[in-house]
């Protein structure tokens, strides 16, 4: 065997070995992710030894709720933040998140001021105002935008899963299961977020709550009109009787038609919505990126007497534009 042929054989064997190792590692990783996705968060917590009562309290954020602990003027803000955290699927305590939102800009501002003092740069009111705005954008505004985006994505996924969940529920009823057992099928068959949420309903009913009250609370937590129609359908059927499977099958068809109309509206308004996203994010990202890359671009003009009123007017106009754009693209179907 020649040296060239031996080198080729060694290279082929090395390539085959590397390919085999990568396939094994990648295959194991993909299988583990597929297994995690097939089991919702509630079942995963129960399988790890957490009791159903503790799981229900954690996922409903009962032990993390602090709406009643803040003054009345701030309860609406904290309640909205609680609903956002619930929709985002985060279990961080609300008080800790509020502390991070408040302390992160202060920490960023302190670091920048210390750096300016170390560099011998003068510190005036205009520069403090500029640094404070940058710290608020980086420490609070951008994280809150990302959190809101995650919550909206999970709420949208919940809406997409709900007609499928209704079909599973109807098949359970047609197979002869009672309502509670048909709901229990959803907790096993459906992934997150709807699988865990219906699991919470089943746990609440197990501990003595009324089914309609638990479902109504679920619809209120997620602010979903489709689920409210589901609760009304169950209530009407409970009061007047009738074929619940047929009622819910018709409801599933109505929800799918409604979603189809919503998708058409979103497609027709996609240009306006994308323009709104760009006009909202571009000033924030441009300001933050330019300040990080070339802070002198702003600091050189921060000592000008017209900078403070001009910059304050700029921030005010941005807030007015943000609210106006959100109202223009908030289409109801």
Protein backbone atom coordinates (compact mmCIF):
# COMPACT_ATOMS: atom_id res chain seq x y z
CA UNK A 1 0.00 0.00 0.00
CA UNK A 2 1.43 3.33 -1.05
CA UNK A 3 1.75 6.33 1.22
CA UNK A 4 -0.82 8.35 -0.76
CA UNK A 5 -3.40 5.60 -0.54
CA UNK A 6 -2.74 5.24 3.19
CA UNK A 7 -3.26 8.99 3.71
CA UNK A 8 -6.53 8.87 1.79
CA UNK A 9 -7.72 5.91 3.86
CA UNK A 10 -6.83 7.68 7.13
CA UNK A 11 -8.65 10.85 6.03
CA UNK A 12 -11.73 8.83 5.08
CA UNK A 13 -11.72 7.05 8.45
CA UNK A 14 -11.27 10.33 10.33
CA UNK A 15 -14.12 11.90 8.34
CA UNK A 16 -16.37 8.89 9.03
CA UNK A 17 -15.54 8.99 12.76
CA UNK A 18 -16.25 12.73 13.02
CA UNK A 19 -19.48 12.32 11.07
CA UNK A 20 -20.59 9.48 13.34
CA UNK A 21 -19.83 11.46 16.51
CA UNK A 22 -21.67 14.53 15.21
CA UNK A 23 -24.68 12.44 14.19
CA UNK A 24 -24.85 10.76 17.60
CA UNK A 25 -24.54 14.03 19.52
CA UNK A 26 -26.93 15.94 17.25
CA UNK A 27 -29.43 13.09 17.22
CA UNK A 28 -29.42 12.88 21.02
CA UNK A 29 -29.87 16.64 21.30
CA UNK A 30 -32.77 16.68 18.84
CA UNK A 31 -34.45 13.71 20.56
CA UNK A 32 -34.17 15.39 23.95
CA UNK A 33 -35.66 18.61 22.58
CA UNK A 34 -38.48 16.69 20.91
CA UNK A 35 -39.22 14.91 24.19
CA UNK A 36 -39.24 18.18 26.11
CA UNK A 37 -41.59 19.76 23.60
CA UNK A 38 -43.97 16.80 23.65
CA UNK A 39 -44.48 17.18 27.41
CA UNK A 40 -45.88 20.46 28.70
CA UNK A 41 -44.41 22.36 31.63
CA UNK A 42 -47.02 21.20 34.14
CA UNK A 43 -46.41 17.50 33.46
CA UNK A 44 -42.66 18.10 33.53
CA UNK A 45 -42.89 19.70 36.97
CA UNK A 46 -45.07 16.87 38.28
CA UNK A 47 -42.67 14.26 36.88
CA UNK A 48 -39.84 15.97 38.79
CA UNK A 49 -41.64 15.42 42.10
CA UNK A 50 -43.47 18.75 42.51
CA UNK A 51 -46.93 18.31 44.03
CA UNK A 52 -49.99 19.29 42.03
CA UNK A 53 -50.90 22.01 44.53
CA UNK A 54 -47.44 23.59 44.30
CA UNK A 55 -47.45 23.23 40.50
CA UNK A 56 -50.83 24.94 40.25
CA UNK A 57 -49.75 27.75 42.57
CA UNK A 58 -46.49 28.27 40.67
CA UNK A 59 -47.95 28.28 37.17
CA UNK A 60 -50.79 30.56 38.21
CA UNK A 61 -48.22 32.78 39.96
CA UNK A 62 -50.26 32.83 43.19
CA UNK A 63 -47.15 32.88 45.36
CA UNK A 64 -45.58 35.53 43.13
CA UNK A 65 -48.56 37.89 42.92
CA UNK A 66 -48.03 41.31 44.50
CA UNK A 67 -50.95 43.31 43.09
CA UNK A 68 -52.46 43.75 46.54
CA UNK A 69 -49.12 44.79 48.05
CA UNK A 70 -48.67 48.00 46.05
CA UNK A 71 -50.56 51.31 46.36
CA UNK A 72 -53.84 51.60 44.47
CA UNK A 73 -52.54 53.94 41.70
CA UNK A 74 -49.91 51.36 40.68
CA UNK A 75 -52.07 48.24 40.87
CA UNK A 76 -53.16 48.47 37.22
CA UNK A 77 -49.52 48.59 36.07
CA UNK A 78 -48.51 45.67 38.28
CA UNK A 79 -51.57 43.67 37.16
CA UNK A 80 -50.66 44.23 33.51
CA UNK A 81 -47.08 43.18 34.24
CA UNK A 82 -48.37 40.05 36.01
CA UNK A 83 -50.47 39.16 32.97
CA UNK A 84 -47.50 39.74 30.67
CA UNK A 85 -45.26 37.48 32.78
CA UNK A 86 -47.95 34.80 32.83
CA UNK A 87 -48.35 34.95 29.05
CA UNK A 88 -44.56 34.88 28.59
CA UNK A 89 -44.31 31.75 30.74
CA UNK A 90 -41.79 33.26 33.16
CA UNK A 91 -41.78 32.31 36.83
CA UNK A 92 -39.65 35.20 38.07
CA UNK A 93 -41.33 37.00 41.01
CA UNK A 94 -42.95 40.26 39.99
CA UNK A 95 -41.24 42.15 42.79
CA UNK A 96 -37.83 40.97 41.64
CA UNK A 97 -38.60 41.98 38.06
CA UNK A 98 -39.75 45.43 39.18
CA UNK A 99 -36.55 45.79 41.20
CA UNK A 100 -34.48 44.85 38.15
CA UNK A 101 -36.39 47.32 35.97
CA UNK A 102 -35.67 50.09 38.47
CA UNK A 103 -32.10 49.16 39.41
CA UNK A 104 -30.75 48.27 35.94
CA UNK A 105 -30.94 51.86 34.58
CA UNK A 106 -29.45 53.19 37.82
CA UNK A 107 -26.55 50.74 37.55
CA UNK A 108 -25.93 51.54 33.86
CA UNK A 109 -26.05 55.27 34.58
CA UNK A 110 -23.64 54.91 37.51
CA UNK A 111 -21.14 52.97 35.40
CA UNK A 112 -21.24 55.59 32.62
CA UNK A 113 -20.83 58.47 35.09
CA UNK A 114 -17.86 56.75 36.76
CA UNK A 115 -16.29 56.22 33.34
CA UNK A 116 -16.80 59.90 32.52
CA UNK A 117 -15.24 60.94 35.83
CA UNK A 118 -12.29 58.63 35.24
CA UNK A 119 -11.80 60.15 31.77
CA UNK A 120 -11.99 63.69 33.17
CA UNK A 121 -15.07 64.59 31.13
CA UNK A 122 -17.30 67.39 32.47
CA UNK A 123 -20.73 66.44 33.81
CA UNK A 124 -23.57 68.86 33.19
CA UNK A 125 -27.35 68.64 33.35
CA UNK A 126 -27.60 67.95 29.62
CA UNK A 127 -25.11 65.09 29.81
CA UNK A 128 -26.86 63.62 32.85
CA UNK A 129 -30.16 63.80 30.99
CA UNK A 130 -28.62 62.09 27.96
CA UNK A 131 -26.95 59.36 30.02
CA UNK A 132 -30.15 58.80 32.01
CA UNK A 133 -32.17 58.37 28.82
CA UNK A 134 -29.64 55.88 27.44
CA UNK A 135 -29.66 53.95 30.74
CA UNK A 136 -33.47 53.81 30.72
CA UNK A 137 -33.51 52.56 27.12
CA UNK A 138 -30.87 49.85 27.67
CA UNK A 139 -31.86 48.84 31.20
CA UNK A 140 -35.66 48.98 31.03
CA UNK A 141 -37.22 49.79 27.66
CA UNK A 142 -35.50 47.16 25.50
CA UNK A 143 -35.99 44.31 28.06
CA UNK A 144 -39.66 45.23 28.44
CA UNK A 145 -40.08 45.22 24.65
CA UNK A 146 -38.53 41.75 24.45
CA UNK A 147 -40.76 40.54 27.29
CA UNK A 148 -43.86 41.92 25.60
CA UNK A 149 -42.83 40.32 22.32
CA UNK A 150 -42.46 36.91 23.98
CA UNK A 151 -45.85 37.28 25.66
CA UNK A 152 -47.53 38.19 22.37
CA UNK A 153 -45.93 35.20 20.62
CA UNK A 154 -47.17 32.77 23.29
CA UNK A 155 -50.65 34.33 23.30
CA UNK A 156 -50.77 33.95 19.52
CA UNK A 157 -49.70 30.31 19.86
CA UNK A 158 -52.45 29.82 22.44
CA UNK A 159 -55.00 31.15 19.96
CA UNK A 160 -53.71 28.83 17.25
CA UNK A 161 -53.83 25.81 19.57
CA UNK A 162 -57.34 26.45 20.87
CA UNK A 163 -59.32 25.10 17.84
CA UNK A 164 -57.15 21.95 17.90
CA UNK A 165 -57.82 21.60 21.62
CA UNK A 166 -61.56 21.90 20.94
CA UNK A 167 -61.32 19.09 18.39
CA UNK A 168 -59.56 16.86 20.92
CA UNK A 169 -62.20 17.77 23.51
CA UNK A 170 -65.04 16.97 21.09
CA UNK A 171 -63.48 13.60 20.18
CA UNK A 172 -63.26 12.78 23.88
CA UNK A 173 -66.94 13.63 24.36
CA UNK A 174 -67.98 11.56 21.35
CA UNK A 175 -65.97 8.64 22.74
CA UNK A 176 -68.14 8.73 25.86
CA UNK A 177 -65.86 10.56 28.29
CA UNK A 178 -67.41 13.03 30.75
CA UNK A 179 -66.46 16.69 30.51
CA UNK A 180 -63.77 16.48 33.22
CA UNK A 181 -62.15 13.43 31.61
CA UNK A 182 -62.26 15.04 28.17
CA UNK A 183 -60.52 18.10 29.61
CA UNK A 184 -57.92 15.82 31.19
CA UNK A 185 -57.10 14.53 27.68
CA UNK A 186 -56.00 18.04 26.72
CA UNK A 187 -53.49 18.14 29.57
CA UNK A 188 -51.74 15.07 28.15
CA UNK A 189 -52.16 15.52 24.40
CA UNK A 190 -51.53 19.26 24.00
CA UNK A 191 -48.13 20.97 24.37
CA UNK A 192 -47.50 24.32 26.01
CA UNK A 193 -48.95 26.79 26.56
CA UNK A 194 -52.47 25.40 26.30
CA UNK A 195 -51.65 21.99 27.77
CA UNK A 196 -50.41 23.41 31.06
CA UNK A 197 -53.25 25.95 31.24
CA UNK A 198 -55.97 23.32 30.87
CA UNK A 199 -54.04 21.23 33.37
CA UNK A 200 -54.46 24.07 35.86
CA UNK A 201 -58.21 24.02 35.19
CA UNK A 202 -58.33 20.28 35.85
CA UNK A 203 -56.37 20.72 39.09
CA UNK A 204 -58.68 23.51 40.26
CA UNK A 205 -61.74 21.36 39.56
CA UNK A 206 -60.08 18.48 41.43
CA UNK A 207 -59.67 20.74 44.47
CA UNK A 208 -63.35 21.71 44.41
CA UNK A 209 -63.68 24.72 42.09
CA UNK A 210 -66.51 25.05 39.58
CA UNK A 211 -65.53 24.14 36.02
CA UNK A 212 -67.12 27.27 34.52
CA UNK A 213 -65.41 29.51 37.08
CA UNK A 214 -62.01 27.94 36.38
CA UNK A 215 -62.43 28.28 32.62
CA UNK A 216 -63.66 31.87 32.99
CA UNK A 217 -60.61 32.69 35.12
CA UNK A 218 -58.38 31.12 32.47
CA UNK A 219 -59.99 33.22 29.74
CA UNK A 220 -59.58 36.34 31.88
CA UNK A 221 -55.91 35.64 32.60
CA UNK A 222 -55.09 35.25 28.90
CA UNK A 223 -57.67 37.78 27.62
CA UNK A 224 -58.91 35.46 24.85
CA UNK A 225 -62.33 36.01 23.28
CA UNK A 226 -62.35 32.48 21.81
CA UNK A 227 -62.07 30.97 25.26
CA UNK A 228 -64.81 33.26 26.57
CA UNK A 229 -67.11 31.89 23.84
CA UNK A 230 -66.13 28.39 24.97
CA UNK A 231 -67.14 29.23 28.54
CA UNK A 232 -70.44 30.71 27.38
CA UNK A 233 -71.15 27.59 25.31
CA UNK A 234 -70.54 25.35 28.31
CA UNK A 235 -72.73 27.55 30.51
CA UNK A 236 -75.61 27.61 28.02
CA UNK A 237 -75.42 23.84 27.50
CA UNK A 238 -75.35 23.29 31.25
CA UNK A 239 -78.47 25.43 31.74
CA UNK A 240 -80.52 24.34 28.71
CA UNK A 241 -79.09 20.95 27.74
CA UNK A 242 -78.28 19.77 24.24
CA UNK A 243 -75.50 18.01 22.38
CA UNK A 244 -72.32 19.58 23.76
CA UNK A 245 -70.09 17.86 21.20
CA UNK A 246 -72.08 19.34 18.31
CA UNK A 247 -72.12 22.80 19.94
CA UNK A 248 -68.34 22.79 20.41
CA UNK A 249 -67.77 21.44 16.91
CA UNK A 250 -69.70 24.39 15.50
CA UNK A 251 -67.75 26.72 17.80
CA UNK A 252 -64.48 25.29 16.51
CA UNK A 253 -65.61 25.97 12.94
CA UNK A 254 -66.58 29.54 13.84
CA UNK A 255 -63.22 30.15 15.53
CA UNK A 256 -61.32 28.82 12.51
CA UNK A 257 -63.34 31.05 10.17
CA UNK A 258 -62.67 34.00 12.46
CA UNK A 259 -58.95 33.25 12.48
CA UNK A 260 -58.98 32.95 8.70
CA UNK A 261 -60.54 36.40 8.45
CA UNK A 262 -57.98 37.71 10.96
CA UNK A 263 -55.12 36.33 8.87
CA UNK A 264 -56.53 38.05 5.77
CA UNK A 265 -56.73 41.35 7.65
CA UNK A 266 -53.19 40.90 8.96
CA UNK A 267 -51.94 40.12 5.45
CA UNK A 268 -53.59 43.24 4.03
CA UNK A 269 -52.23 45.37 6.88
CA UNK A 270 -48.76 43.77 7.01
CA UNK A 271 -47.08 46.75 5.33
CA UNK A 272 -48.52 49.18 7.87
CA UNK A 273 -47.65 46.94 10.81
CA UNK A 274 -44.07 46.47 9.61
CA UNK A 275 -43.76 50.22 9.13
CA UNK A 276 -45.00 50.66 12.70
CA UNK A 277 -42.40 48.20 14.02
CA UNK A 278 -39.58 49.92 12.14
CA UNK A 279 -40.66 53.40 13.20
CA UNK A 280 -40.92 52.23 16.82
CA UNK A 281 -37.67 50.28 17.11
CA UNK A 282 -35.38 52.17 14.75
CA UNK A 283 -35.02 55.36 16.86
CA UNK A 284 -34.39 53.35 20.04
CA UNK A 285 -31.86 50.99 18.46
CA UNK A 286 -30.15 53.81 16.57
CA UNK A 287 -29.82 55.93 19.68
CA UNK A 288 -28.53 53.04 21.79
CA UNK A 289 -26.12 51.72 19.15
CA UNK A 290 -24.71 55.12 18.24
CA UNK A 291 -24.23 56.01 21.90
CA UNK A 292 -22.30 52.77 22.44
CA UNK A 293 -20.14 53.16 19.33
CA UNK A 294 -19.57 56.93 19.40
CA UNK A 295 -20.78 58.60 22.59
CA UNK A 296 -19.01 61.85 21.68
CA UNK A 297 -21.55 62.36 18.90
CA UNK A 298 -24.12 63.20 21.61
CA UNK A 299 -21.89 64.40 24.43
CA UNK A 300 -20.34 67.18 22.33
CA UNK A 301 -23.70 68.90 21.96
CA UNK A 302 -25.08 67.99 25.40
CA UNK A 303 -23.70 71.20 26.93
CA UNK A 304 -25.56 73.43 24.47
CA UNK A 305 -28.35 75.49 26.17
CA UNK A 306 -30.90 74.32 23.58
CA UNK A 307 -30.08 70.63 24.07
CA UNK A 308 -32.23 70.05 27.17
CA UNK A 309 -35.53 71.48 25.82
CA UNK A 310 -34.84 70.04 22.36
CA UNK A 311 -34.07 66.55 23.68
CA UNK A 312 -37.08 66.64 26.03
CA UNK A 313 -39.33 67.63 23.11
CA UNK A 314 -37.83 64.81 21.04
CA UNK A 315 -38.63 62.21 23.73
CA UNK A 316 -42.15 63.60 24.11
CA UNK A 317 -42.77 63.45 20.34
CA UNK A 318 -41.49 59.87 20.25
CA UNK A 319 -43.92 58.83 23.02
CA UNK A 320 -46.82 60.53 21.21
CA UNK A 321 -45.85 58.85 17.96
CA UNK A 322 -45.52 55.46 19.67
CA UNK A 323 -49.04 55.67 21.15
CA UNK A 324 -50.52 56.93 17.87
CA UNK A 325 -48.91 54.20 15.77
CA UNK A 326 -50.01 51.47 18.19
CA UNK A 327 -53.60 52.68 17.96
CA UNK A 328 -53.47 52.85 14.16
CA UNK A 329 -52.27 49.24 13.74
CA UNK A 330 -54.37 47.74 16.56
CA UNK A 331 -57.00 46.16 14.31
CA UNK A 332 -59.95 44.36 15.87
CA UNK A 333 -61.65 41.49 14.05
